[in-house]
Amino acid sequence: MHVAWLIGAATLMSQARMAWKGTLLVVFQPGEETAQGAQAMIDDGLLKRFPTPDVILGQHVMVGPAGTVAGSAGAITSAADSLQIRLFGRGAHGSMPQASIDPIVMAAAVVLRLQTIVSREIAANDAAVITVGVLQAGTKENVIPDEAIIKLNVRTFDPGVRMHVLAAIERIVNAEATASGAPRNPEITQLDHYPLNVNDEEASNRIAGAFRSYFSGDRVKHTGPAPASEDFGCFGTSWHVPSVFWFVGGTDPKIYYEAKEEGKLNDLPVNHSPKFAPVLHPTIETGVEALVVGALAWLA
């Protein structure tokens, strides 16, 4: 796949070889899914080994009609925090619950109460997502275990909202443990963190203009912030230069527009779903063209 991108990019750049000058740095970032790749590259001396760029460009395939590109100025992907919560109880036989402090009931109360943070503590014109992806406890149906594990993920678009949500999670977890008479305080561990990814306004407008000049008008879309997360923003923040990140549609256009017409867009497979399989064409061609056109907007 990388070879196809490189060949396509080289072809387009060679066709425009008389029209640009400058330095183009192409980076293949590892470890994006664990929020470690960008920072690892920075820690490995990226900023010292290469000159400071004028702008940093990036893209990601998403649900959307293949052949289209979409973006906007301002926040484009959310900040994300993944937490592990370890709740402590007292185990007992299932026939004698009075001898236990049940961490499963404690965990269930925590999961339900966490839902009220977004619905009752965050203003309607703000945005936040709290998703509990893991609840682990016990190994036998008639044994109450000693502890339970919750793993959750938080997405926010505002630093103040982020701090409120994280503080609320800690408050709720500790309060439920106290209400249950837990023998130990819960342990809350941060698993990873993605920064808020903000597109520079001037640079975003420049990219949008370049896209509209190259692609037909119906292939360039405006999109609001996505509750997905990316460590791409670390590059611009560390280098103190503008960055622009956009999305490339990867869904079969016929399937996408049929789902839209029927009001079933949420039924389409999304990123990280085992059924998410972007169509190769024109997704690859569009991605190559978008990156090259974006780069040429500065290589004048």
Protein backbone atom coordinates (compact mmCIF):
# COMPACT_ATOMS: atom_id res chain seq x y z
CA MET A 1 0.00 0.00 0.00
CA HIS A 2 2.80 2.40 0.90
CA VAL A 3 4.49 1.64 -2.43
CA ALA A 4 1.33 2.57 -4.33
CA TRP A 5 1.10 5.87 -2.46
CA LEU A 6 4.75 6.69 -3.09
CA ILE A 7 4.58 5.87 -6.82
CA GLY A 8 1.42 7.93 -7.25
CA ALA A 9 2.89 10.84 -5.32
CA ALA A 10 6.14 10.73 -7.26
CA THR A 11 4.22 10.74 -10.55
CA LEU A 12 2.14 13.77 -9.62
CA MET A 13 5.13 15.64 -8.25
CA SER A 14 7.15 14.93 -11.39
CA GLN A 15 4.32 16.25 -13.55
CA ALA A 16 4.51 19.50 -11.59
CA ARG A 17 8.32 19.58 -11.36
CA MET A 18 8.61 22.90 -13.20
CA ALA A 19 6.07 24.58 -10.93
CA TRP A 20 7.56 24.16 -7.46
CA LYS A 21 10.68 24.35 -5.37
CA GLY A 22 11.38 23.57 -1.75
CA THR A 23 11.82 20.62 0.59
CA LEU A 24 9.19 17.94 1.06
CA LEU A 25 9.49 15.71 4.14
CA VAL A 26 7.37 12.55 4.04
CA VAL A 27 6.88 10.86 7.42
CA PHE A 28 5.38 7.42 8.02
CA GLN A 29 4.19 7.61 11.60
CA PRO A 30 4.04 4.37 13.62
CA GLY A 31 2.05 3.62 16.75
CA GLU A 32 -0.88 5.99 16.15
CA GLU A 33 -3.34 3.50 17.65
CA THR A 34 -1.49 3.52 20.98
CA ALA A 35 -0.91 7.30 21.13
CA GLN A 36 2.84 6.67 21.19
CA GLY A 37 4.07 6.99 17.60
CA ALA A 38 4.30 10.76 17.13
CA GLN A 39 5.82 11.38 20.54
CA ALA A 40 8.28 8.53 20.07
CA MET A 41 9.49 10.13 16.82
CA ILE A 42 9.86 13.49 18.57
CA ASP A 43 11.72 11.87 21.48
CA ASP A 44 14.00 10.17 18.93
CA GLY A 45 15.17 13.55 17.66
CA LEU A 46 12.81 14.31 14.79
CA LEU A 47 12.86 18.04 15.50
CA LYS A 48 16.68 18.15 15.63
CA ARG A 49 17.38 15.87 12.68
CA PHE A 50 15.17 17.72 10.19
CA PRO A 51 14.59 21.42 9.47
CA THR A 52 11.51 23.15 10.87
CA PRO A 53 8.71 22.95 8.26
CA ASP A 54 6.41 25.79 7.21
CA VAL A 55 3.37 23.55 7.65
CA ILE A 56 2.54 19.97 8.63
CA LEU A 57 -0.11 18.07 6.68
CA GLY A 58 -1.85 14.81 7.49
CA GLN A 59 -4.91 12.78 6.57
CA HIS A 60 -6.90 9.72 7.65
CA VAL A 61 -9.41 7.50 5.87
CA MET A 62 -12.89 7.67 7.42
CA VAL A 63 -16.50 6.80 6.71
CA GLY A 64 -17.56 8.97 3.77
CA PRO A 65 -17.99 8.65 0.01
CA ALA A 66 -14.80 7.34 -1.56
CA GLY A 67 -13.27 10.00 -3.78
CA THR A 68 -14.05 12.86 -1.40
CA VAL A 69 -11.96 14.87 1.05
CA ALA A 70 -13.35 16.67 4.10
CA GLY A 71 -12.02 19.04 6.72
CA SER A 72 -12.42 22.36 8.50
CA ALA A 73 -10.48 24.96 10.45
CA GLY A 74 -10.31 24.69 14.23
CA ALA A 75 -10.64 21.52 16.28
CA ILE A 76 -10.73 18.58 13.89
CA THR A 77 -10.19 15.56 16.15
CA SER A 78 -10.85 15.27 19.86
CA ALA A 79 -8.60 14.90 22.84
CA ALA A 80 -8.82 11.37 24.22
CA ASP A 81 -8.04 9.85 27.59
CA SER A 82 -8.15 6.14 28.38
CA LEU A 83 -8.41 5.13 32.04
CA GLN A 84 -8.34 1.90 34.02
CA ILE A 85 -10.34 1.82 37.23
CA ARG A 86 -9.69 -0.93 39.75
CA LEU A 87 -12.41 -1.39 42.35
CA PHE A 88 -11.77 -3.41 45.50
CA GLY A 89 -14.37 -5.46 47.37
CA ARG A 90 -14.46 -8.56 49.58
CA GLY A 91 -15.06 -11.92 48.00
CA ALA A 92 -17.54 -14.49 49.26
CA HIS A 93 -19.60 -17.44 48.16
CA GLY A 94 -22.58 -16.52 46.02
CA SER A 95 -24.91 -18.11 48.55
CA MET A 96 -23.69 -15.73 51.28
CA PRO A 97 -23.65 -12.22 49.74
CA GLN A 98 -23.96 -10.69 53.21
CA ALA A 99 -20.34 -11.72 53.81
CA SER A 100 -19.13 -9.83 50.75
CA ILE A 101 -18.56 -6.32 49.51
CA ASP A 102 -19.56 -6.95 45.94
CA PRO A 103 -17.25 -5.20 43.43
CA ILE A 104 -19.51 -6.19 40.53
CA VAL A 105 -22.45 -4.26 41.96
CA MET A 106 -20.03 -1.43 42.74
CA ALA A 107 -18.74 -1.46 39.13
CA ALA A 108 -22.26 -1.59 37.70
CA ALA A 109 -23.24 1.46 39.78
CA VAL A 110 -20.13 3.30 38.56
CA VAL A 111 -20.87 2.51 34.90
CA LEU A 112 -24.45 3.76 35.16
CA ARG A 113 -23.50 6.86 37.12
CA LEU A 114 -20.77 7.77 34.60
CA GLN A 115 -23.46 8.23 31.97
CA THR A 116 -24.82 11.21 33.89
CA ILE A 117 -21.61 13.23 33.43
CA VAL A 118 -22.35 14.01 29.79
CA SER A 119 -26.14 14.16 30.18
CA ARG A 120 -26.23 16.26 33.37
CA GLU A 121 -22.87 17.98 33.89
CA ILE A 122 -21.85 19.06 30.37
CA ALA A 123 -23.66 21.96 28.66
CA ALA A 124 -25.68 21.08 25.59
CA ASN A 125 -23.48 23.26 23.37
CA ASP A 126 -20.33 21.49 24.54
CA ALA A 127 -19.38 17.96 23.58
CA ALA A 128 -17.99 14.93 25.38
CA VAL A 129 -18.13 11.16 25.01
CA ILE A 130 -17.55 8.59 27.76
CA THR A 131 -17.38 4.97 26.62
CA VAL A 132 -16.87 2.01 28.94
CA GLY A 133 -15.21 -0.64 26.79
CA VAL A 134 -14.16 -3.15 29.45
CA LEU A 135 -15.81 -4.47 32.60
CA GLN A 136 -14.01 -7.48 34.02
CA ALA A 137 -14.77 -9.29 37.26
CA GLY A 138 -14.92 -12.83 38.55
CA THR A 139 -14.42 -16.26 37.00
CA LYS A 140 -17.31 -18.33 38.43
CA GLU A 141 -21.03 -17.71 38.49
CA ASN A 142 -21.45 -18.61 42.19
CA VAL A 143 -18.43 -16.76 43.56
CA ILE A 144 -18.35 -13.04 44.36
CA PRO A 145 -14.87 -11.80 43.43
CA ASP A 146 -12.51 -9.50 45.33
CA GLU A 147 -12.20 -6.83 42.66
CA ALA A 148 -13.47 -5.50 39.35
CA ILE A 149 -11.77 -3.69 36.49
CA ILE A 150 -13.34 -0.95 34.36
CA LYS A 151 -11.58 0.49 31.33
CA LEU A 152 -13.05 3.56 29.72
CA ASN A 153 -12.36 6.18 27.10
CA VAL A 154 -13.13 9.92 27.18
CA ARG A 155 -13.34 12.26 24.15
CA THR A 156 -13.51 16.05 24.52
CA PHE A 157 -12.98 19.17 22.39
CA ASP A 158 -12.34 21.75 25.10
CA PRO A 159 -9.59 21.70 27.78
CA GLY A 160 -11.99 22.93 30.45
CA VAL A 161 -14.57 20.26 29.60
CA ARG A 162 -11.83 17.63 29.63
CA MET A 163 -10.71 18.57 33.14
CA HIS A 164 -14.31 18.62 34.39
CA VAL A 165 -15.05 15.17 32.96
CA LEU A 166 -11.87 13.60 34.38
CA ALA A 167 -12.55 15.14 37.80
CA ALA A 168 -16.15 13.92 37.70
CA ILE A 169 -15.03 10.38 36.90
CA GLU A 170 -12.70 10.39 39.91
CA ARG A 171 -15.42 11.84 42.13
CA ILE A 172 -18.01 9.24 41.09
CA VAL A 173 -15.64 6.28 41.37
CA ASN A 174 -14.51 7.25 44.87
CA ALA A 175 -18.06 8.03 46.02
CA GLU A 176 -19.44 4.69 44.84
CA ALA A 177 -16.58 2.86 46.55
CA THR A 178 -17.32 4.71 49.79
CA ALA A 179 -21.04 4.03 49.47
CA SER A 180 -20.28 0.32 49.07
CA GLY A 181 -17.96 0.22 52.09
CA ALA A 182 -14.97 -0.77 49.95
CA PRO A 183 -11.98 -1.90 52.02
CA ARG A 184 -9.57 0.10 49.84
CA ASN A 185 -9.71 3.22 47.75
CA PRO A 186 -10.05 2.60 44.01
CA GLU A 187 -7.01 2.83 41.77
CA ILE A 188 -7.38 5.06 38.68
CA THR A 189 -4.62 4.69 36.10
CA GLN A 190 -4.25 6.63 32.85
CA LEU A 191 -3.56 4.24 29.98
CA ASP A 192 -3.01 6.77 27.19
CA HIS A 193 -3.72 10.35 26.13
CA TYR A 194 -4.23 11.96 22.72
CA PRO A 195 -4.02 15.75 22.45
CA LEU A 196 -6.73 17.92 20.92
CA ASN A 197 -5.90 18.30 17.23
CA VAL A 198 -6.55 21.86 16.01
CA ASN A 199 -6.26 22.92 12.35
CA ASP A 200 -4.67 26.32 11.79
CA GLU A 201 -7.31 28.60 10.22
CA GLU A 202 -5.11 30.30 7.60
CA ALA A 203 -3.43 27.06 6.57
CA SER A 204 -6.79 25.25 6.45
CA ASN A 205 -8.23 27.88 4.13
CA ARG A 206 -5.19 27.53 1.89
CA ILE A 207 -5.64 23.75 1.71
CA ALA A 208 -9.37 24.11 1.03
CA GLY A 209 -8.63 26.50 -1.84
CA ALA A 210 -6.08 24.12 -3.34
CA PHE A 211 -8.52 21.22 -3.08
CA ARG A 212 -11.33 23.15 -4.74
CA SER A 213 -9.01 24.14 -7.58
CA TYR A 214 -8.00 20.53 -8.20
CA PHE A 215 -11.03 18.41 -7.30
CA SER A 216 -14.55 18.99 -8.57
CA GLY A 217 -16.68 20.96 -6.12
CA ASP A 218 -18.79 18.00 -4.97
CA ARG A 219 -15.65 16.11 -3.89
CA VAL A 220 -14.56 18.70 -1.31
CA LYS A 221 -16.69 18.57 1.85
CA HIS A 222 -16.83 20.65 5.01
CA THR A 223 -17.00 18.63 8.20
CA GLY A 224 -17.20 19.48 11.87
CA PRO A 225 -14.88 18.09 14.52
CA ALA A 226 -14.74 14.30 14.66
CA PRO A 227 -14.74 12.47 18.02
CA ALA A 228 -11.89 10.36 16.71
CA SER A 229 -8.41 11.09 18.05
CA GLU A 230 -4.93 11.43 16.57
CA ASP A 231 -1.45 12.07 17.93
CA PHE A 232 -0.66 13.88 14.67
CA GLY A 233 -1.20 17.16 16.54
CA CYS A 234 1.99 16.54 18.53
CA PHE A 235 4.07 17.47 15.47
CA GLY A 236 2.65 20.96 15.03
CA THR A 237 2.61 21.63 18.79
CA SER A 238 6.24 20.55 19.23
CA TRP A 239 7.52 22.36 16.13
CA HIS A 240 5.31 25.42 16.83
CA VAL A 241 4.14 25.55 13.22
CA PRO A 242 0.66 25.39 11.60
CA SER A 243 -0.79 21.95 10.93
CA VAL A 244 -3.76 20.78 8.86
CA PHE A 245 -5.44 17.40 9.10
CA TRP A 246 -8.28 16.19 6.89
CA PHE A 247 -10.28 13.07 6.09
CA VAL A 248 -10.43 10.93 2.97
CA GLY A 249 -13.69 9.07 2.37
CA GLY A 250 -13.37 5.31 1.99
CA THR A 251 -16.97 4.07 1.73
CA ASP A 252 -18.42 2.84 -1.56
CA PRO A 253 -20.34 5.95 -2.74
CA LYS A 254 -23.40 3.94 -3.78
CA ILE A 255 -23.62 2.28 -0.36
CA TYR A 256 -22.98 5.58 1.43
CA TYR A 257 -25.64 7.60 -0.38
CA GLU A 258 -28.21 4.82 -0.12
CA ALA A 259 -27.64 4.68 3.64
CA LYS A 260 -27.89 8.47 3.86
CA GLU A 261 -31.17 8.51 1.93
CA GLU A 262 -32.61 5.84 4.21
CA GLY A 263 -31.38 7.56 7.38
CA LYS A 264 -29.07 4.66 8.18
CA LEU A 265 -25.59 6.23 8.11
CA ASN A 266 -24.97 4.96 11.64
CA ASP A 267 -25.39 1.41 10.31
CA LEU A 268 -22.29 1.70 8.12
CA PRO A 269 -19.13 0.01 9.47
CA VAL A 270 -16.83 2.59 11.06
CA ASN A 271 -13.11 2.70 11.82
CA HIS A 272 -11.97 -0.15 14.09
CA SER A 273 -15.03 -2.21 13.21
CA PRO A 274 -13.99 -5.63 11.82
CA LYS A 275 -16.28 -4.87 8.87
CA PHE A 276 -14.67 -1.51 8.05
CA ALA A 277 -13.06 -2.15 4.66
CA PRO A 278 -12.45 0.98 2.55
CA VAL A 279 -12.79 0.41 -1.20
CA LEU A 280 -9.34 0.58 -2.79
CA HIS A 281 -10.40 2.76 -5.69
CA PRO A 282 -10.79 5.70 -5.76
CA THR A 283 -9.73 5.91 -2.09
CA ILE A 284 -6.01 5.41 -2.76
CA GLU A 285 -5.91 7.77 -5.73
CA THR A 286 -7.78 10.46 -3.80
CA GLY A 287 -5.45 10.15 -0.82
CA VAL A 288 -2.35 10.46 -3.01
CA GLU A 289 -3.78 13.42 -4.90
CA ALA A 290 -4.87 15.21 -1.73
CA LEU A 291 -1.45 14.99 -0.11
CA VAL A 292 0.36 16.11 -3.24
CA VAL A 293 -2.06 18.97 -3.95
CA GLY A 294 -1.80 20.03 -0.31
CA ALA A 295 2.00 20.02 -0.45
CA LEU A 296 2.07 21.94 -3.74
CA ALA A 297 0.02 24.71 -2.10
CA TRP A 298 3.22 25.57 -0.21
CA LEU A 299 5.88 24.50 -2.72
CA ALA A 300 5.44 27.50 -4.97
